Protein backbone atom coordinates (compact mmCIF):
# COMPACT_ATOMS: atom_id res chain seq x y z
CA MET A 1 -7.84 -3.70 -39.06
CA LYS A 2 -4.48 -3.75 -37.26
CA ALA A 3 -2.57 -6.59 -35.64
CA LYS A 4 0.83 -7.17 -34.11
CA ILE A 5 2.97 -10.23 -33.48
CA THR A 6 6.26 -10.47 -31.61
CA LEU A 7 8.87 -13.10 -32.41
CA ALA A 8 12.06 -14.12 -30.63
CA LYS A 9 14.37 -17.11 -30.81
CA GLU A 10 13.51 -17.86 -27.18
CA PHE A 11 9.85 -18.41 -28.18
CA ARG A 12 10.80 -21.85 -29.51
CA ILE A 13 8.06 -24.47 -29.23
CA GLY A 14 10.24 -27.30 -30.45
CA GLU A 15 11.94 -28.84 -33.45
CA ILE A 16 9.60 -29.58 -36.35
CA ASP A 17 9.68 -33.27 -37.25
CA LYS A 18 9.54 -33.34 -41.06
CA ARG A 19 7.02 -36.20 -40.82
CA VAL A 20 4.37 -33.69 -39.72
CA TYR A 21 4.04 -33.00 -43.47
CA GLY A 22 3.08 -36.58 -44.27
CA SER A 23 0.12 -37.85 -46.27
CA PHE A 24 -1.93 -40.98 -46.85
CA ILE A 25 -2.79 -43.42 -49.64
CA GLU A 26 -5.53 -45.97 -49.00
CA HIS A 27 -6.95 -48.63 -51.28
CA LEU A 28 -10.09 -46.55 -51.60
CA GLY A 29 -11.76 -45.08 -54.68
CA ARG A 30 -9.23 -43.83 -57.22
CA ALA A 31 -6.39 -43.13 -54.78
CA VAL A 32 -4.37 -46.08 -56.11
CA TYR A 33 -6.05 -47.22 -59.34
CA GLY A 34 -6.30 -44.16 -61.58
CA GLY A 35 -4.41 -42.09 -59.01
CA ILE A 36 -0.81 -43.06 -58.37
CA TYR A 37 -1.08 -46.22 -60.51
CA GLU A 38 -2.48 -46.38 -64.02
CA PRO A 39 -0.80 -48.68 -66.57
CA GLY A 40 -1.28 -47.35 -70.07
CA HIS A 41 -1.50 -43.72 -69.02
CA PRO A 42 0.60 -41.46 -71.28
CA THR A 43 2.88 -40.53 -68.35
CA ALA A 44 3.05 -44.01 -66.74
CA ASP A 45 6.42 -45.71 -66.36
CA GLU A 46 7.12 -49.38 -67.04
CA ASN A 47 5.49 -50.27 -63.70
CA GLY A 48 2.32 -48.25 -64.32
CA LEU A 49 3.19 -45.37 -61.96
CA ARG A 50 1.89 -41.99 -63.15
CA GLN A 51 4.79 -39.57 -63.52
CA ASP A 52 2.54 -36.50 -63.64
CA VAL A 53 1.27 -37.39 -60.16
CA ILE A 54 4.78 -38.12 -58.88
CA ASP A 55 5.91 -34.69 -60.10
CA LEU A 56 3.20 -32.95 -58.06
CA VAL A 57 3.89 -35.12 -55.00
CA LYS A 58 7.57 -34.16 -55.18
CA LYS A 59 6.65 -30.47 -55.16
CA LEU A 60 4.73 -31.08 -51.93
CA ASN A 61 7.92 -32.51 -50.39
CA VAL A 62 6.00 -35.22 -48.53
CA PRO A 63 8.40 -37.15 -46.26
CA VAL A 64 6.13 -40.07 -45.31
CA VAL A 65 2.93 -41.64 -46.69
CA ARG A 66 0.66 -43.92 -44.65
CA TYR A 67 -0.47 -47.10 -46.45
CA PRO A 68 -2.66 -49.15 -47.20
CA GLY A 69 -5.39 -47.80 -44.88
CA GLY A 70 -7.51 -46.63 -43.27
CA ASN A 71 -10.62 -48.78 -42.91
CA PHE A 72 -9.33 -50.93 -45.75
CA VAL A 73 -6.46 -52.34 -43.69
CA SER A 74 -8.75 -53.93 -41.10
CA GLY A 75 -9.79 -56.60 -43.60
CA TYR A 76 -6.62 -56.73 -45.72
CA ASN A 77 -4.54 -59.88 -46.22
CA TRP A 78 -1.16 -58.39 -47.11
CA GLU A 79 -0.12 -61.68 -48.73
CA ASP A 80 -2.74 -61.01 -51.45
CA GLY A 81 -0.71 -58.02 -52.65
CA VAL A 82 2.71 -59.64 -53.19
CA GLY A 83 4.11 -62.08 -55.72
CA PRO A 84 3.20 -62.50 -59.39
CA VAL A 85 0.27 -60.23 -60.22
CA GLU A 86 -1.44 -62.88 -62.32
CA ASN A 87 -1.68 -65.14 -59.24
CA ARG A 88 -3.15 -62.55 -56.89
CA PRO A 89 -6.78 -63.03 -55.81
CA LYS A 90 -9.57 -60.53 -56.28
CA ARG A 91 -11.39 -59.89 -53.00
CA LEU A 92 -14.62 -58.27 -51.86
CA GLU A 93 -13.52 -55.15 -49.97
CA LEU A 94 -16.02 -54.78 -47.14
CA ALA A 95 -14.91 -51.43 -45.75
CA TRP A 96 -16.02 -49.50 -48.84
CA GLY A 97 -18.19 -52.06 -50.71
CA THR A 98 -15.86 -52.45 -53.68
CA THR A 99 -13.72 -55.17 -55.29
CA GLU A 100 -9.97 -55.11 -54.66
CA PRO A 101 -8.06 -56.56 -57.64
CA ASN A 102 -4.72 -56.64 -55.77
CA GLU A 103 -2.81 -55.59 -58.86
CA PHE A 104 -1.00 -53.09 -56.64
CA GLY A 105 0.47 -54.06 -53.28
CA THR A 106 3.34 -53.71 -50.86
CA ASN A 107 6.31 -53.88 -53.22
CA GLU A 108 4.63 -51.70 -55.84
CA PHE A 109 3.88 -49.06 -53.22
CA LEU A 110 7.42 -49.07 -51.89
CA ASP A 111 8.72 -48.71 -55.44
CA TRP A 112 6.41 -45.69 -55.81
CA CYS A 113 7.75 -44.25 -52.53
CA LYS A 114 11.31 -44.29 -53.86
CA LYS A 115 10.28 -42.54 -57.06
CA ALA A 116 8.23 -39.94 -55.15
CA ASN A 117 11.08 -39.23 -52.67
CA THR A 118 9.07 -40.36 -49.67
CA GLU A 119 8.98 -43.15 -47.10
CA CYS A 120 6.28 -45.61 -46.10
CA MET A 121 4.28 -45.53 -42.86
CA MET A 122 2.91 -49.08 -43.01
CA ALA A 123 -0.32 -50.09 -41.29
CA VAL A 124 -0.98 -53.67 -40.16
CA ASN A 125 -4.35 -55.41 -39.90
CA LEU A 126 -5.35 -55.80 -36.25
CA GLY A 127 -9.03 -56.13 -37.12
CA THR A 128 -9.56 -59.51 -38.79
CA ARG A 129 -5.95 -60.55 -38.15
CA GLY A 130 -3.43 -60.15 -35.36
CA PRO A 131 0.16 -60.11 -34.06
CA GLU A 132 1.29 -63.16 -36.05
CA GLU A 133 0.39 -61.71 -39.44
CA ALA A 134 1.80 -58.33 -38.39
CA ARG A 135 5.21 -59.71 -37.46
CA ASN A 136 5.27 -61.77 -40.68
CA LEU A 137 4.81 -58.58 -42.70
CA VAL A 138 7.64 -56.91 -40.79
CA GLU A 139 9.88 -59.89 -41.51
CA TYR A 140 8.89 -59.81 -45.19
CA CYS A 141 9.68 -56.10 -45.45
CA ASN A 142 12.65 -55.61 -43.15
CA HIS A 143 14.64 -58.83 -42.63
CA PRO A 144 17.60 -59.18 -45.03
CA SER A 145 17.42 -62.90 -45.93
CA GLY A 146 17.63 -66.47 -44.70
CA THR A 147 14.08 -66.85 -43.35
CA TYR A 148 10.81 -67.88 -44.91
CA TRP A 149 9.25 -64.43 -45.26
CA SER A 150 12.45 -62.55 -46.18
CA ASP A 151 13.34 -65.14 -48.81
CA LEU A 152 9.78 -64.96 -50.15
CA ARG A 153 10.34 -61.23 -50.70
CA ARG A 154 13.60 -61.98 -52.51
CA SER A 155 11.78 -64.53 -54.69
CA HIS A 156 9.41 -61.68 -55.61
CA GLY A 157 12.32 -59.73 -57.07
CA VAL A 158 13.11 -57.49 -54.08
CA GLU A 159 16.58 -58.51 -52.92
CA ASN A 160 17.22 -55.78 -50.35
CA PRO A 161 14.94 -55.17 -47.37
CA HIS A 162 12.63 -52.16 -47.44
CA ASN A 163 13.63 -51.13 -43.89
CA ILE A 164 10.28 -49.53 -43.03
CA LYS A 165 10.71 -47.64 -39.76
CA LEU A 166 7.16 -46.54 -38.87
CA TRP A 167 4.20 -48.89 -38.33
CA CYS A 168 0.53 -48.26 -37.46
CA LEU A 169 -1.08 -50.84 -35.17
CA GLY A 170 -4.40 -51.08 -37.00
CA ASN A 171 -6.87 -48.30 -37.72
CA GLU A 172 -9.75 -46.75 -35.74
CA MET A 173 -10.30 -49.93 -33.77
CA ASP A 174 -12.92 -48.28 -31.54
CA GLY A 175 -15.27 -47.72 -34.49
CA GLY A 176 -18.28 -49.98 -34.97
CA TRP A 177 -17.80 -49.54 -38.74
CA GLN A 178 -14.38 -51.19 -38.45
CA MET A 179 -13.89 -54.84 -39.36
CA GLY A 180 -12.83 -56.54 -36.13
CA ALA A 181 -13.67 -53.54 -33.91
CA LYS A 182 -12.55 -53.99 -30.32
CA THR A 183 -12.96 -52.61 -26.82
CA ALA A 184 -10.08 -50.56 -25.47
CA VAL A 185 -8.86 -53.48 -23.37
CA GLU A 186 -9.13 -55.96 -26.25
CA TYR A 187 -7.30 -53.60 -28.55
CA GLY A 188 -4.66 -52.66 -25.97
CA ARG A 189 -3.74 -56.32 -25.46
CA THR A 190 -3.62 -57.01 -29.21
CA ALA A 191 -1.58 -53.88 -29.92
CA LEU A 192 0.87 -54.65 -27.12
CA GLU A 193 1.54 -58.16 -28.38
CA ALA A 194 1.77 -57.04 -32.01
CA SER A 195 4.19 -54.24 -31.18
CA LYS A 196 6.36 -56.60 -29.09
CA LEU A 197 6.62 -59.18 -31.86
CA MET A 198 7.18 -56.57 -34.55
CA LYS A 199 9.99 -54.90 -32.58
CA TRP A 200 11.60 -58.23 -31.74
CA THR A 201 11.55 -59.00 -35.47
CA SER A 202 12.97 -55.63 -36.51
CA PRO A 203 14.60 -53.72 -33.61
CA GLY A 204 14.52 -49.96 -34.03
CA ILE A 205 11.09 -49.63 -35.65
CA GLU A 206 8.46 -47.32 -34.16
CA THR A 207 4.81 -48.19 -33.61
CA VAL A 208 1.64 -46.08 -33.42
CA LEU A 209 -1.26 -47.00 -31.14
CA CYS A 210 -4.78 -46.22 -32.38
CA GLY A 211 -6.45 -43.43 -30.43
CA SER A 212 -10.14 -42.61 -30.68
CA SER A 213 -11.53 -42.37 -34.21
CA SER A 214 -12.58 -38.81 -33.33
CA ARG A 215 -13.19 -36.63 -30.29
CA ASN A 216 -16.94 -37.22 -30.81
CA MET A 217 -16.72 -40.91 -29.89
CA SER A 218 -18.57 -41.76 -26.66
CA THR A 219 -15.44 -43.54 -25.44
CA PHE A 220 -13.11 -40.61 -26.26
CA GLY A 221 -10.48 -40.16 -23.56
CA LYS A 222 -11.32 -43.40 -21.79
CA TRP A 223 -10.29 -45.37 -24.89
CA GLU A 224 -6.87 -43.71 -25.00
CA ALA A 225 -6.32 -44.10 -21.26
CA GLU A 226 -7.28 -47.79 -21.13
CA SER A 227 -5.39 -48.90 -24.26
CA LEU A 228 -2.32 -46.80 -23.35
CA ASP A 229 -2.32 -48.23 -19.84
CA ILE A 230 -1.83 -51.68 -21.36
CA ALA A 231 0.49 -50.95 -24.31
CA TYR A 232 2.42 -47.89 -23.04
CA ASP A 233 5.81 -49.52 -22.62
CA SER A 234 5.94 -50.98 -26.13
CA ILE A 235 4.51 -48.22 -28.35
CA ASP A 236 5.90 -44.83 -29.40
CA TYR A 237 2.96 -42.71 -30.57
CA VAL A 238 -0.81 -42.49 -30.21
CA SER A 239 -2.89 -41.54 -33.23
CA LEU A 240 -5.51 -38.80 -33.69
CA HIS A 241 -7.99 -38.43 -36.56
CA GLN A 242 -10.08 -35.36 -37.36
CA TYR A 243 -12.06 -34.11 -40.37
CA TYR A 244 -14.01 -30.85 -40.63
CA GLY A 245 -16.75 -29.64 -42.95
CA ASN A 246 -18.82 -26.51 -43.54
CA HIS A 247 -22.17 -28.25 -43.61
CA ASP A 248 -24.32 -25.20 -42.92
CA GLY A 249 -22.39 -22.66 -45.03
CA ASP A 250 -21.25 -20.62 -42.01
CA THR A 251 -17.77 -19.57 -43.12
CA MET A 252 -16.69 -17.78 -39.94
CA ASN A 253 -17.70 -20.72 -37.77
CA PHE A 254 -15.96 -23.09 -40.19
CA LEU A 255 -12.70 -21.15 -39.95
CA ALA A 256 -12.97 -21.17 -36.15
CA LEU A 257 -12.86 -24.99 -35.99
CA THR A 258 -9.13 -24.91 -35.30
CA MET A 259 -10.03 -23.84 -31.76
CA GLN A 260 -11.68 -27.24 -31.37
CA LEU A 261 -8.58 -28.83 -32.92
CA GLU A 262 -6.42 -27.11 -30.27
CA ASP A 263 -8.59 -28.56 -27.53
CA PHE A 264 -8.50 -32.04 -29.08
CA ILE A 265 -4.69 -32.10 -29.25
CA TYR A 266 -4.35 -30.76 -25.72
CA SER A 267 -6.77 -33.38 -24.38
CA ILE A 268 -4.76 -36.25 -25.87
CA ILE A 269 -1.48 -34.82 -24.57
CA CYS A 270 -3.02 -34.66 -21.10
CA THR A 271 -4.22 -38.28 -21.36
CA CYS A 272 -0.78 -39.50 -22.45
CA ASP A 273 0.88 -37.63 -19.61
CA TYR A 274 -1.66 -38.94 -17.09
CA ILE A 275 -0.70 -42.51 -17.98
CA LYS A 276 2.98 -41.54 -17.86
CA ALA A 277 2.50 -40.18 -14.35
CA ARG A 278 0.39 -43.14 -13.23
CA LYS A 279 3.12 -45.51 -14.41
CA ARG A 280 5.89 -43.32 -12.99
CA SER A 281 7.50 -43.62 -16.40
CA LYS A 282 10.33 -41.56 -17.87
CA LYS A 283 9.02 -42.27 -21.38
CA THR A 284 6.94 -39.62 -23.17
CA ILE A 285 4.36 -40.71 -25.74
CA ASN A 286 4.07 -38.30 -28.66
CA LEU A 287 1.24 -37.85 -31.16
CA SER A 288 0.67 -39.07 -34.70
CA PHE A 289 -2.15 -37.05 -36.29
CA ASP A 290 -2.30 -39.55 -39.12
CA GLU A 291 -5.66 -38.53 -40.61
CA TRP A 292 -6.76 -34.91 -40.94
CA ASN A 293 -8.43 -32.81 -43.61
CA VAL A 294 -11.57 -31.03 -44.77
CA TRP A 295 -14.15 -33.64 -45.84
CA TYR A 296 -17.81 -33.05 -46.59
CA HIS A 297 -18.36 -32.16 -50.26
CA SER A 298 -18.59 -35.76 -51.51
CA ASN A 299 -20.65 -37.28 -48.71
CA GLY A 300 -23.51 -39.38 -50.09
CA ALA A 301 -22.08 -39.82 -53.60
CA LYS A 302 -23.53 -42.86 -55.42
CA PHE A 303 -21.45 -45.67 -56.94
CA GLU A 304 -21.88 -49.22 -58.18
CA LYS A 305 -21.31 -51.66 -55.33
CA TRP A 306 -18.47 -54.16 -55.80
CA SER A 307 -17.01 -52.17 -58.69
CA VAL A 308 -13.23 -51.64 -58.95
CA ALA A 309 -11.88 -48.18 -58.04
CA PRO A 310 -15.17 -46.23 -58.29
CA LYS A 311 -15.29 -42.47 -57.80
CA LEU A 312 -15.49 -42.27 -54.02
CA LEU A 313 -14.94 -39.30 -51.67
CA GLU A 314 -13.79 -37.06 -54.51
CA ASP A 315 -14.17 -33.68 -52.81
CA ILE A 316 -13.53 -30.69 -55.04
CA TYR A 317 -12.14 -28.09 -52.67
CA ASN A 318 -12.86 -24.39 -52.64
CA PHE A 319 -10.94 -21.37 -51.39
CA GLU A 320 -12.29 -21.38 -47.83
CA ASP A 321 -11.24 -25.03 -47.55
CA ALA A 322 -7.68 -23.99 -48.43
CA LEU A 323 -7.70 -21.40 -45.65
CA LEU A 324 -8.84 -23.96 -43.09
CA VAL A 325 -6.21 -26.47 -44.25
CA GLY A 326 -3.58 -23.75 -43.77
CA SER A 327 -4.93 -23.00 -40.29
CA MET A 328 -5.00 -26.69 -39.37
CA LEU A 329 -1.34 -27.04 -40.32
CA ILE A 330 -0.51 -23.92 -38.31
CA THR A 331 -2.29 -25.53 -35.34
CA LEU A 332 -0.27 -28.73 -35.71
CA LEU A 333 2.96 -26.72 -35.71
CA ARG A 334 1.87 -24.94 -32.54
CA HIS A 335 2.14 -28.37 -30.93
CA CYS A 336 5.25 -29.62 -32.73
CA ASP A 337 6.84 -30.48 -29.39
CA ARG A 338 4.35 -33.37 -29.18
CA VAL A 339 2.82 -33.77 -32.66
CA LYS A 340 5.66 -35.50 -34.48
CA ILE A 341 3.76 -37.14 -37.34
CA ALA A 342 0.73 -35.99 -39.32
CA CYS A 343 -0.87 -37.30 -42.49
CA LEU A 344 -3.09 -35.21 -44.73
CA ALA A 345 -5.78 -37.67 -45.74
CA GLN A 346 -5.47 -38.34 -48.53
CA LEU A 347 -2.94 -37.57 -51.28
CA VAL A 348 -4.59 -38.25 -54.67
CA ASN A 349 -8.28 -38.06 -55.75
CA VAL A 350 -9.80 -39.20 -52.44
CA ILE A 351 -10.29 -36.01 -50.32
CA ALA A 352 -6.93 -34.97 -51.73
CA PRO A 353 -4.83 -31.99 -52.86
CA ILE A 354 -4.04 -33.71 -56.17
CA PHE A 355 -6.82 -34.66 -58.57
CA THR A 356 -6.54 -36.75 -61.74
CA GLU A 357 -8.63 -37.76 -64.68
CA THR A 358 -8.31 -41.45 -65.45
CA GLY A 359 -6.48 -41.55 -68.77
CA GLY A 360 -6.14 -37.78 -68.74
CA GLY A 361 -4.74 -34.81 -66.89
CA VAL A 362 -4.03 -33.76 -63.33
CA PHE A 363 -4.43 -30.53 -61.37
CA GLU A 364 -3.68 -28.98 -57.99
CA GLN A 365 -6.68 -28.45 -55.77
CA THR A 366 -6.94 -25.25 -53.72
CA THR A 367 -5.64 -27.07 -50.63
CA TYR A 368 -2.45 -28.09 -52.43
CA PHE A 369 -0.78 -24.71 -52.06
CA PRO A 370 -0.87 -24.01 -48.28
CA PHE A 371 0.39 -27.55 -47.71
CA MET A 372 3.17 -27.02 -50.27
CA HIS A 373 4.25 -23.74 -48.68
CA LEU A 374 4.42 -25.10 -45.15
CA SER A 375 6.09 -28.35 -46.17
CA ASN A 376 8.79 -26.56 -48.14
CA TYR A 377 9.35 -23.46 -46.03
CA GLY A 378 8.16 -24.52 -42.57
CA ARG A 379 11.25 -26.40 -41.45
CA GLY A 380 13.58 -26.07 -38.49
CA SER A 381 11.97 -24.90 -35.22
CA ALA A 382 8.49 -23.54 -34.65
CA LEU A 383 8.22 -20.21 -32.83
CA LEU A 384 5.09 -19.25 -30.93
CA PRO A 385 4.28 -15.61 -31.73
CA LEU A 386 2.85 -13.25 -29.16
CA VAL A 387 -0.30 -12.16 -31.00
CA ASP A 388 -2.35 -9.01 -30.54
CA CYS A 389 -5.25 -8.94 -33.00
CA PRO A 390 -9.02 -8.36 -33.19
CA LYS A 391 -11.33 -11.26 -32.41
CA TYR A 392 -14.87 -12.32 -33.28
CA ASP A 393 -17.60 -14.61 -32.00
CA SER A 394 -19.20 -17.31 -34.15
CA LYS A 395 -22.04 -19.76 -33.65
CA ASP A 396 -19.96 -22.26 -31.68
CA PHE A 397 -16.91 -20.28 -30.58
CA THR A 398 -16.05 -17.06 -28.78
CA ASP A 399 -12.97 -14.83 -28.98
CA VAL A 400 -11.78 -16.28 -32.28
CA PRO A 401 -8.64 -14.44 -33.50
CA TYR A 402 -9.01 -13.01 -37.01
CA LEU A 403 -5.30 -13.78 -37.42
CA ASP A 404 -4.04 -17.37 -37.40
CA THR A 405 -0.24 -17.46 -37.51
CA ILE A 406 2.94 -19.40 -36.80
CA ALA A 407 6.61 -18.73 -37.52
CA THR A 408 9.42 -21.16 -38.30
CA TYR A 409 13.14 -20.62 -37.84
CA ASP A 410 15.72 -22.63 -39.78
CA GLU A 411 18.93 -21.72 -37.97
CA GLU A 412 21.11 -23.96 -40.12
CA ASN A 413 20.15 -22.13 -43.32
CA ASP A 414 19.63 -18.69 -41.74
CA GLU A 415 16.01 -18.59 -42.90
CA MET A 416 12.67 -17.96 -41.28
CA ALA A 417 9.07 -17.90 -42.46
CA ILE A 418 5.84 -16.44 -41.13
CA PHE A 419 2.55 -18.07 -42.14
CA CYS A 420 -0.69 -16.12 -41.72
CA VAL A 421 -4.41 -16.53 -42.38
CA ASN A 422 -6.54 -13.37 -42.33
CA LYS A 423 -10.02 -14.75 -41.64
CA SER A 424 -11.85 -11.47 -42.15
CA MET A 425 -13.92 -11.65 -45.32
CA ASP A 426 -14.00 -7.89 -45.94
CA GLU A 427 -11.13 -6.16 -44.10
CA SER A 428 -7.44 -6.01 -44.82
CA MET A 429 -5.11 -6.43 -41.88
CA VAL A 430 -2.04 -4.24 -41.38
CA LEU A 431 0.34 -6.53 -39.53
CA ASP A 432 3.39 -5.31 -37.61
CA VAL A 433 5.95 -8.03 -36.87
CA ASN A 434 8.46 -7.28 -34.12
CA LEU A 435 11.46 -9.48 -34.93
CA MET A 436 13.29 -8.69 -31.66
CA ASP A 437 16.57 -10.66 -31.83
CA PHE A 438 16.58 -11.51 -35.55
CA ASP A 439 19.23 -8.94 -36.45
CA GLY A 440 20.16 -8.95 -40.12
CA TYR A 441 17.09 -10.87 -41.27
CA LYS A 442 15.38 -9.24 -44.24
CA PRO A 443 12.21 -10.19 -46.11
CA CYS A 444 13.02 -11.91 -49.41
CA GLU A 445 9.60 -13.16 -50.57
CA PHE A 446 5.92 -12.48 -49.91
CA ILE A 447 3.48 -15.05 -51.31
CA SER A 448 -0.29 -14.90 -50.91
CA MET A 449 -3.58 -16.33 -52.10
CA ASP A 450 -6.28 -13.67 -52.01
CA GLY A 451 -8.97 -11.96 -54.07
CA CYS A 452 -10.95 -15.18 -54.43
CA HIS A 453 -14.58 -15.90 -53.64
CA LYS A 454 -14.92 -18.39 -50.81
CA ASN A 455 -16.48 -20.95 -53.17
CA ASP A 456 -13.91 -20.65 -55.99
CA GLU A 457 -12.56 -24.04 -57.08
CA ASN A 458 -9.83 -25.33 -59.35
CA THR A 459 -10.37 -27.78 -62.17
CA PHE A 460 -8.57 -29.15 -65.23
CA GLY A 461 -7.14 -26.23 -67.17
CA ASP A 462 -8.68 -23.59 -64.88
CA ILE A 463 -6.67 -22.90 -61.73
CA LYS A 464 -8.60 -19.99 -60.20
CA VAL A 465 -7.10 -20.35 -56.74
CA LYS A 466 -3.31 -20.22 -56.76
CA PRO A 467 -0.53 -18.30 -55.03
CA HIS A 468 1.06 -15.16 -56.42
CA SER A 469 4.06 -13.04 -55.47
CA ASN A 470 3.77 -9.57 -53.94
CA PRO A 471 6.25 -6.75 -53.35
CA VAL A 472 8.56 -7.55 -50.46
CA PRO A 473 7.24 -5.96 -47.20
CA ALA A 474 8.95 -2.95 -45.68
CA ILE A 475 11.14 -3.34 -42.60
CA ASP A 476 12.13 -0.54 -40.23
CA GLY A 477 14.73 -1.64 -37.73
CA THR A 478 13.26 -4.78 -36.18
CA THR A 479 9.66 -4.12 -37.27
CA LEU A 480 8.31 -5.62 -40.48
CA THR A 481 5.01 -4.21 -41.74
CA VAL A 482 2.83 -6.07 -44.21
CA GLU A 483 -0.75 -5.79 -45.43
CA LEU A 484 -2.70 -9.03 -45.40
CA LYS A 485 -5.58 -8.84 -47.87
CA PRO A 486 -9.09 -9.83 -46.72
CA PHE A 487 -9.72 -13.56 -46.56
CA SER A 488 -6.18 -14.56 -47.48
CA TRP A 489 -3.36 -17.06 -47.07
CA ASN A 490 0.07 -15.44 -46.65
CA VAL A 491 3.71 -16.54 -46.49
CA ILE A 492 6.50 -14.06 -45.62
CA ARG A 493 10.00 -15.48 -46.02
CA LEU A 494 13.13 -13.89 -44.57
CA LYS A 495 16.84 -14.57 -44.93
CA LYS A 496 19.84 -13.31 -43.02
């Protein structure tokens, strides 16, 4: 199989916002308790934060982590998670049917963020609570001193403000499963007032409006338009959520799902721009894709109701999942002019690239590596390649390219990277890359994941799916030629 891509500096889509490589920690399952926080663990610090997990998070180079939910936040009293731990109440957690001990809360999470070299994307409860509680949390976190909530923070041992810049206005408020679910008009009014009060309390923060919970919602499109029409002038981003699964075992259809993702993103951009035009506004609303991942392996898992930190949504990912995660990230970068924030949901244990054993070890799931490569090497500007490659038809899609690819150009460091997925399960792909105006750029590294069965998984002490280095590809003038193995993830790095 042969393919060709053409790259030029003029093919620039836009600057990549580093926050597109964000992630998510919710008070759900073992994401917090037994995940990032486990007092008594051999690697835990004096505050109970697992250093082995922090080490793997640092390698992912995650710039922002959304917290504390998710469905959890729609019933969360943030005051329960601050102050002396011994005085914090235990609560029934209705979103997931567990008990929340509140041993870990706002200040503990922000301490973890500092140690993991990341920042917090804080969500406020607009389900069972409202604008008043939201602005109080902003004051607690961001105001220096001299007021009730800021001085309460100082009395809790945090003298300097956290200065959180990014705030989610609730979570999936159109979903009937959500505590305090609302109509688009109800939510738009609540979000507008919350955002106003929060920004008056801490000027310079950014807020994210909840979009539809998924493109399959009956109110999809209308929800965004109606809530945006109300809150447009006060908010900065609208959120998107999307999970995919291979429920019927059809690999080629599974890997084609990014075509649906393209359509989803484009639809929301169109809706945002429709409201912009209707309002005759000069302000552009960008996108926060703050939940995305593969999720289907753990559906239906049993657990004891009202237990603390049960094993919930603990997908063990295989090789084909890693390829789709890589393709989903490539798709997000193709829209980096509008998708400014994205959060892989989630970060540890719960549908996550990092998996721990409570009291024991930790390992990288298959999906860890494409995310790591893009987060570390996919910086600067995104370039849209001109692609000429074979295509296939699947059950739900036609004309699916066998090659999924994006290029990034870091002008400041004179580096570029090309990321490729060869979706063919049995054919190699000889890829010619025309570099056009990249004079002096030479390949310096070729990383791939290949030779794996689609169902291969990683586990403690047995990392079957992992990247390896290959001989640097040949380059003749401005044409780089590389062989992409069947069913593979590939990263070609170049330096001037």
